[in-house]
Amino acid sequence: MKSIKKIDIHAHATLFPQYVPMHKDNQQRMNSAEEMIAIYDELNIEKGVLMPISSPEAQPHIHACEETKYIVDQYPDRFLWFCNVDPRSVYNLPTTDHTYLLQHYKSLGALGYGELTANLYIDDPMLENLFACCAEMDMPVTIHMAPQIGGYYGIVDDIGLPRLEKLLKKYPKLKILGHSHHFWAEITKLASEEERNGPQRSKVIPGTIERLMRECPNLYGDLSAGSGCTAMMRDPEYAAKFMAEFSDRLLYGCDICDLVNKTAWKFDAFLDNMVETGALSMENYVKIVRTNAEKLLGL
């Protein structure tokens, strides 16, 4: 697998590591671009898609589009980027036309929108307005999902993801990359909020994600972090079937936000083992770690 250079669909980095505050939960700061490049060299990753954070719920500091674009300009061979516009920006109205901002960033090379972390219901008028603008601009959107308003970051849905399903079917041209613990928890049938919020360890009983992937060709799976990769690693037998069926819409990612995050190494070893044992074909491995991103982003 070392001959295949991967693309990281979910990356973050700061231009100012010496200035950013430590995160209160783990006392770690966000990694710099140079630190990410060193990690990429170790993990055999050619490029990463950097995503700024515009909503205050997610980070102790706002991570600006302009900062991200500057990093990309310094290392164009190692990074691509998505832009980020908070759905409440420009007067906090559900009628704000965000297309002029999206067009501005798209003209600077932004290939999509993300990571969307605003703590609003998916069908909140301001959020739906943003989704409609992204659909119009043909910009794929990486979403981070949460179970409730308050105490979390990310857009909110109920068990079974009824609001996400409605969105995907209302805007069939809107490409959504599903991400976060509360998105990937839905890979199995859920009986309670406790199960949705708890650790993902049990064998998978096919749930909402499988159904939505079949019914909504505009839904993609972001396999980064301890959410997407855990959804695969919790049940390798199910993962083999899932990755085979949806091999055209699953994308490798790391979501490394600090230097103590080692999940990507575990997932790399898992994927390598799946190929070596024949559970994942080399053809589908290449799609997941590289060519799906190339196709989605028009590289």
Protein backbone atom coordinates (compact mmCIF):
# COMPACT_ATOMS: atom_id res chain seq x y z
CA MET A 1 0.00 0.00 0.00
CA LYS A 2 3.00 2.31 0.32
CA SER A 3 2.90 2.95 -3.42
CA ILE A 4 -0.50 4.64 -3.05
CA LYS A 5 -0.27 8.24 -1.86
CA LYS A 6 -3.34 9.08 0.22
CA ILE A 7 -5.48 12.22 0.34
CA ASP A 8 -6.69 13.36 3.77
CA ILE A 9 -10.24 14.68 3.30
CA HIS A 10 -10.38 16.19 6.80
CA ALA A 11 -7.48 18.34 8.01
CA HIS A 12 -6.89 21.32 10.30
CA ALA A 13 -3.83 23.48 10.93
CA THR A 14 -3.09 26.88 12.38
CA LEU A 15 -0.83 29.56 10.98
CA PHE A 16 -0.08 30.82 14.48
CA PRO A 17 0.75 27.89 16.80
CA GLN A 18 2.61 30.24 19.14
CA TYR A 19 -0.52 32.32 19.73
CA VAL A 20 -3.49 29.93 19.74
CA PRO A 21 -4.91 28.97 23.16
CA MET A 22 -4.78 25.45 24.50
CA HIS A 23 -8.03 23.50 24.30
CA LYS A 24 -9.54 23.32 27.78
CA ASP A 25 -10.39 19.59 27.50
CA ASN A 26 -6.91 18.23 26.75
CA GLN A 27 -4.58 21.21 27.16
CA GLN A 28 -3.30 20.76 23.61
CA ARG A 29 -2.99 23.38 20.90
CA MET A 30 -3.85 22.95 17.24
CA ASN A 31 -0.97 21.70 15.10
CA SER A 32 0.88 23.85 12.58
CA ALA A 33 1.11 23.19 8.86
CA GLU A 34 4.72 22.12 9.24
CA GLU A 35 3.77 19.62 11.94
CA MET A 36 1.02 18.25 9.69
CA ILE A 37 3.46 17.81 6.81
CA ALA A 38 5.74 15.75 9.05
CA ILE A 39 2.76 13.57 9.98
CA TYR A 40 1.77 13.24 6.33
CA ASP A 41 5.24 12.06 5.42
CA GLU A 42 4.96 9.37 8.09
CA LEU A 43 1.47 8.28 7.01
CA ASN A 44 2.18 8.36 3.25
CA ILE A 45 -0.31 11.18 2.65
CA GLU A 46 0.28 13.40 -0.37
CA LYS A 47 -2.24 16.13 0.40
CA GLY A 48 -4.78 17.19 3.00
CA VAL A 49 -7.95 19.26 2.70
CA LEU A 50 -7.63 22.02 5.30
CA MET A 51 -10.85 23.24 6.86
CA PRO A 52 -11.22 26.44 8.87
CA ILE A 53 -13.67 26.75 11.77
CA SER A 54 -15.92 29.82 11.74
CA SER A 55 -18.34 28.93 14.56
CA PRO A 56 -17.40 29.60 18.20
CA GLU A 57 -18.95 26.36 19.51
CA ALA A 58 -16.12 24.18 18.21
CA GLN A 59 -12.82 25.80 19.11
CA PRO A 60 -11.47 28.26 21.68
CA HIS A 61 -10.46 30.47 18.74
CA ILE A 62 -11.93 31.25 15.33
CA HIS A 63 -9.91 29.67 12.54
CA ALA A 64 -10.29 32.01 9.56
CA CYS A 65 -10.61 31.21 5.87
CA GLU A 66 -7.88 33.72 5.12
CA GLU A 67 -5.47 31.96 7.48
CA THR A 68 -6.21 28.63 5.80
CA LYS A 69 -5.77 30.05 2.31
CA TYR A 70 -2.42 31.51 3.33
CA ILE A 71 -1.20 28.10 4.52
CA VAL A 72 -2.29 26.53 1.22
CA ASP A 73 -0.38 29.19 -0.69
CA GLN A 74 2.77 28.38 1.31
CA TYR A 75 2.46 24.62 0.69
CA PRO A 76 0.41 24.16 -2.51
CA ASP A 77 1.78 20.66 -3.07
CA ARG A 78 0.61 19.44 0.35
CA PHE A 79 -2.71 21.17 1.03
CA LEU A 80 -6.07 21.91 -0.56
CA TRP A 81 -8.83 23.75 1.26
CA PHE A 82 -12.50 24.24 2.04
CA CYS A 83 -13.95 27.58 3.08
CA ASN A 84 -16.23 28.22 6.06
CA VAL A 85 -19.01 30.77 6.55
CA ASP A 86 -21.07 30.71 9.73
CA PRO A 87 -24.79 30.44 8.84
CA ARG A 88 -25.48 33.31 11.27
CA SER A 89 -22.99 35.66 9.64
CA VAL A 90 -24.01 38.90 7.91
CA TYR A 91 -26.95 40.07 10.03
CA ASN A 92 -28.01 36.68 11.50
CA LEU A 93 -30.88 36.28 9.04
CA PRO A 94 -32.31 33.27 7.18
CA THR A 95 -32.45 35.37 3.99
CA THR A 96 -28.76 36.31 3.80
CA ASP A 97 -27.32 35.51 0.39
CA HIS A 98 -24.11 33.70 1.29
CA THR A 99 -23.30 32.95 -2.34
CA TYR A 100 -21.22 36.12 -2.70
CA LEU A 101 -18.92 34.95 0.12
CA LEU A 102 -18.81 31.40 -1.19
CA GLN A 103 -18.03 32.69 -4.68
CA HIS A 104 -15.24 34.86 -3.26
CA TYR A 105 -13.58 31.91 -1.56
CA LYS A 106 -14.22 29.64 -4.50
CA SER A 107 -12.41 32.14 -6.73
CA LEU A 108 -9.45 31.75 -4.34
CA GLY A 109 -9.44 27.99 -4.79
CA ALA A 110 -11.81 26.69 -2.11
CA LEU A 111 -13.10 23.29 -3.24
CA GLY A 112 -15.95 22.92 -0.75
CA TYR A 113 -17.38 24.05 2.56
CA GLY A 114 -16.45 22.78 5.98
CA GLU A 115 -16.20 21.89 8.65
CA LEU A 116 -19.77 22.93 9.52
CA THR A 117 -19.95 23.05 13.33
CA ALA A 118 -22.67 25.62 14.12
CA ASN A 119 -24.90 24.24 16.90
CA LEU A 120 -28.24 24.64 15.11
CA TYR A 121 -30.91 22.19 14.02
CA ILE A 122 -30.38 21.00 10.46
CA ASP A 123 -33.70 22.50 9.41
CA ASP A 124 -33.10 25.82 11.16
CA PRO A 125 -33.95 28.45 8.50
CA MET A 126 -30.47 29.99 8.67
CA LEU A 127 -28.77 26.64 8.24
CA GLU A 128 -31.07 25.52 5.45
CA ASN A 129 -30.37 28.83 3.72
CA LEU A 130 -26.63 28.10 3.87
CA PHE A 131 -27.16 24.58 2.50
CA ALA A 132 -29.18 26.01 -0.40
CA CYS A 133 -26.35 28.43 -1.18
CA CYS A 134 -23.77 25.61 -1.11
CA ALA A 135 -25.95 23.53 -3.43
CA GLU A 136 -26.21 26.46 -5.83
CA MET A 137 -22.43 26.93 -5.75
CA ASP A 138 -21.80 23.17 -6.20
CA MET A 139 -19.68 23.03 -3.05
CA PRO A 140 -19.61 19.75 -1.08
CA VAL A 141 -20.19 20.26 2.65
CA THR A 142 -18.46 18.44 5.51
CA ILE A 143 -20.83 18.34 8.48
CA HIS A 144 -20.17 17.67 12.14
CA MET A 145 -23.30 16.35 13.84
CA ALA A 146 -24.44 16.76 17.45
CA PRO A 147 -27.34 15.30 19.47
CA GLN A 148 -28.69 18.54 20.98
CA ILE A 149 -28.46 22.31 21.25
CA GLY A 150 -25.99 23.28 23.96
CA GLY A 151 -23.10 21.31 25.39
CA TYR A 152 -21.93 20.21 21.93
CA TYR A 153 -20.69 21.65 18.67
CA GLY A 154 -22.21 20.62 15.37
CA ILE A 155 -25.52 20.60 13.57
CA VAL A 156 -28.34 18.80 15.38
CA ASP A 157 -30.62 15.93 14.41
CA ASP A 158 -32.69 13.29 16.18
CA ILE A 159 -32.07 9.56 16.34
CA GLY A 160 -32.61 8.13 12.88
CA LEU A 161 -31.43 11.39 11.23
CA PRO A 162 -34.86 12.45 9.89
CA ARG A 163 -33.77 16.07 9.32
CA LEU A 164 -30.65 15.03 7.42
CA GLU A 165 -32.72 12.67 5.27
CA LYS A 166 -35.14 15.49 4.43
CA LEU A 167 -32.24 17.78 3.52
CA LEU A 168 -30.53 15.22 1.29
CA LYS A 169 -33.75 14.53 -0.61
CA LYS A 170 -34.76 18.21 -0.88
CA TYR A 171 -31.38 19.19 -2.35
CA PRO A 172 -30.21 16.22 -4.45
CA LYS A 173 -27.32 18.24 -5.88
CA LEU A 174 -25.99 19.06 -2.41
CA LYS A 175 -23.12 16.70 -1.57
CA ILE A 176 -22.85 16.04 2.18
CA LEU A 177 -19.83 14.43 3.83
CA GLY A 178 -21.09 12.91 7.07
CA HIS A 179 -18.77 13.16 10.06
CA SER A 180 -18.65 12.97 13.88
CA HIS A 181 -19.50 10.47 16.59
CA HIS A 182 -23.22 11.23 16.38
CA PHE A 183 -23.33 10.76 12.62
CA TRP A 184 -21.45 7.47 12.60
CA ALA A 185 -23.30 6.14 15.65
CA GLU A 186 -26.18 5.71 13.20
CA ILE A 187 -24.34 2.96 11.34
CA THR A 188 -26.11 0.62 13.76
CA LYS A 189 -29.71 0.61 14.98
CA LEU A 190 -30.03 2.87 18.01
CA ALA A 191 -32.51 2.31 20.82
CA SER A 192 -31.79 5.33 23.03
CA GLU A 193 -29.92 8.59 23.47
CA GLU A 194 -27.57 6.79 25.85
CA GLU A 195 -26.62 4.38 23.07
CA ARG A 196 -26.16 7.23 20.59
CA ASN A 197 -23.91 9.17 22.97
CA GLY A 198 -21.97 6.20 24.32
CA PRO A 199 -18.94 4.28 23.03
CA GLN A 200 -19.28 2.51 19.68
CA ARG A 201 -18.13 -1.02 20.46
CA SER A 202 -20.86 -3.51 19.69
CA LYS A 203 -21.40 -5.49 16.51
CA VAL A 204 -23.28 -3.49 13.88
CA ILE A 205 -26.96 -4.08 13.23
CA PRO A 206 -27.40 -2.13 9.96
CA GLY A 207 -28.95 1.24 10.74
CA THR A 208 -29.77 4.61 9.25
CA ILE A 209 -26.43 5.26 7.53
CA GLU A 210 -26.68 2.19 5.32
CA ARG A 211 -30.24 3.07 4.30
CA LEU A 212 -29.43 6.72 3.57
CA MET A 213 -26.32 5.79 1.58
CA ARG A 214 -28.53 3.58 -0.60
CA GLU A 215 -31.35 6.10 -0.98
CA CYS A 216 -29.30 9.30 -1.26
CA PRO A 217 -26.42 9.27 -3.75
CA ASN A 218 -25.43 12.73 -2.50
CA LEU A 219 -24.39 11.38 0.92
CA TYR A 220 -20.71 10.58 1.40
CA GLY A 221 -18.87 9.10 4.38
CA ASP A 222 -15.94 10.95 5.97
CA LEU A 223 -13.96 8.15 7.63
CA SER A 224 -11.76 10.41 9.74
CA ALA A 225 -11.20 10.68 13.49
CA GLY A 226 -12.42 8.35 16.19
CA SER A 227 -15.88 8.45 14.63
CA GLY A 228 -15.68 7.30 11.01
CA CYS A 229 -12.77 4.92 11.56
CA THR A 230 -14.35 3.55 14.75
CA ALA A 231 -17.53 2.84 12.79
CA MET A 232 -15.42 0.61 10.54
CA MET A 233 -13.12 -0.93 13.15
CA ARG A 234 -15.88 -1.85 15.61
CA ASP A 235 -17.08 -4.65 13.32
CA PRO A 236 -14.58 -5.62 10.59
CA GLU A 237 -16.95 -8.17 9.06
CA TYR A 238 -19.63 -5.54 8.57
CA ALA A 239 -17.04 -2.98 7.47
CA ALA A 240 -15.94 -5.26 4.64
CA LYS A 241 -19.49 -5.36 3.27
CA PHE A 242 -20.09 -1.65 3.87
CA MET A 243 -16.87 -0.54 2.19
CA ALA A 244 -17.51 -2.83 -0.76
CA GLU A 245 -21.05 -1.53 -1.36
CA PHE A 246 -20.24 2.16 -0.87
CA SER A 247 -16.66 2.17 -2.11
CA ASP A 248 -17.39 5.10 -4.44
CA ARG A 249 -18.54 7.42 -1.62
CA LEU A 250 -16.23 6.73 1.32
CA LEU A 251 -13.24 8.99 1.87
CA TYR A 252 -10.13 8.54 3.99
CA GLY A 253 -9.34 11.23 6.54
CA CYS A 254 -7.38 11.95 9.70
CA ASP A 255 -8.95 14.96 11.51
CA ILE A 256 -5.75 15.53 13.48
CA CYS A 257 -6.25 18.64 15.62
CA ASP A 258 -3.31 18.22 18.00
CA LEU A 259 -0.11 16.21 18.25
CA VAL A 260 -1.42 13.66 20.76
CA ASN A 261 -4.09 12.38 18.35
CA LYS A 262 -2.87 8.98 17.10
CA THR A 263 -6.13 7.59 15.71
CA ALA A 264 -4.96 7.90 12.11
CA TRP A 265 -2.15 5.40 12.70
CA LYS A 266 -4.64 2.83 14.03
CA PHE A 267 -6.93 3.31 11.05
CA ASP A 268 -4.06 3.00 8.59
CA ALA A 269 -3.08 -0.32 10.16
CA PHE A 270 -6.72 -1.46 10.00
CA LEU A 271 -7.04 -0.63 6.30
CA ASP A 272 -3.72 -2.30 5.49
CA ASN A 273 -4.84 -5.45 7.29
CA MET A 274 -8.18 -5.44 5.47
CA VAL A 275 -6.34 -5.41 2.13
CA GLU A 276 -3.79 -8.02 3.19
CA THR A 277 -6.52 -10.42 4.33
CA GLY A 278 -8.65 -9.85 1.24
CA ALA A 279 -11.52 -8.23 3.16
CA LEU A 280 -11.00 -5.02 1.17
CA SER A 281 -9.97 -5.15 -2.48
CA MET A 282 -7.00 -3.09 -3.63
CA GLU A 283 -9.31 -1.37 -6.13
CA ASN A 284 -11.64 -0.20 -3.37
CA TYR A 285 -8.74 0.71 -1.10
CA VAL A 286 -7.41 3.08 -3.76
CA LYS A 287 -10.86 4.61 -4.20
CA ILE A 288 -11.24 5.24 -0.49
CA VAL A 289 -7.79 6.65 0.21
CA ARG A 290 -7.39 8.69 -2.97
CA THR A 291 -9.50 8.57 -6.11
CA ASN A 292 -12.88 9.28 -4.48
CA ALA A 293 -11.44 12.56 -3.18
CA GLU A 294 -10.00 13.35 -6.60
CA LYS A 295 -13.38 12.75 -8.22
CA LEU A 296 -15.43 14.64 -5.61
CA LEU A 297 -13.13 17.67 -5.66
CA GLY A 298 -12.43 17.66 -9.39
CA LEU A 299 -8.68 17.22 -8.99
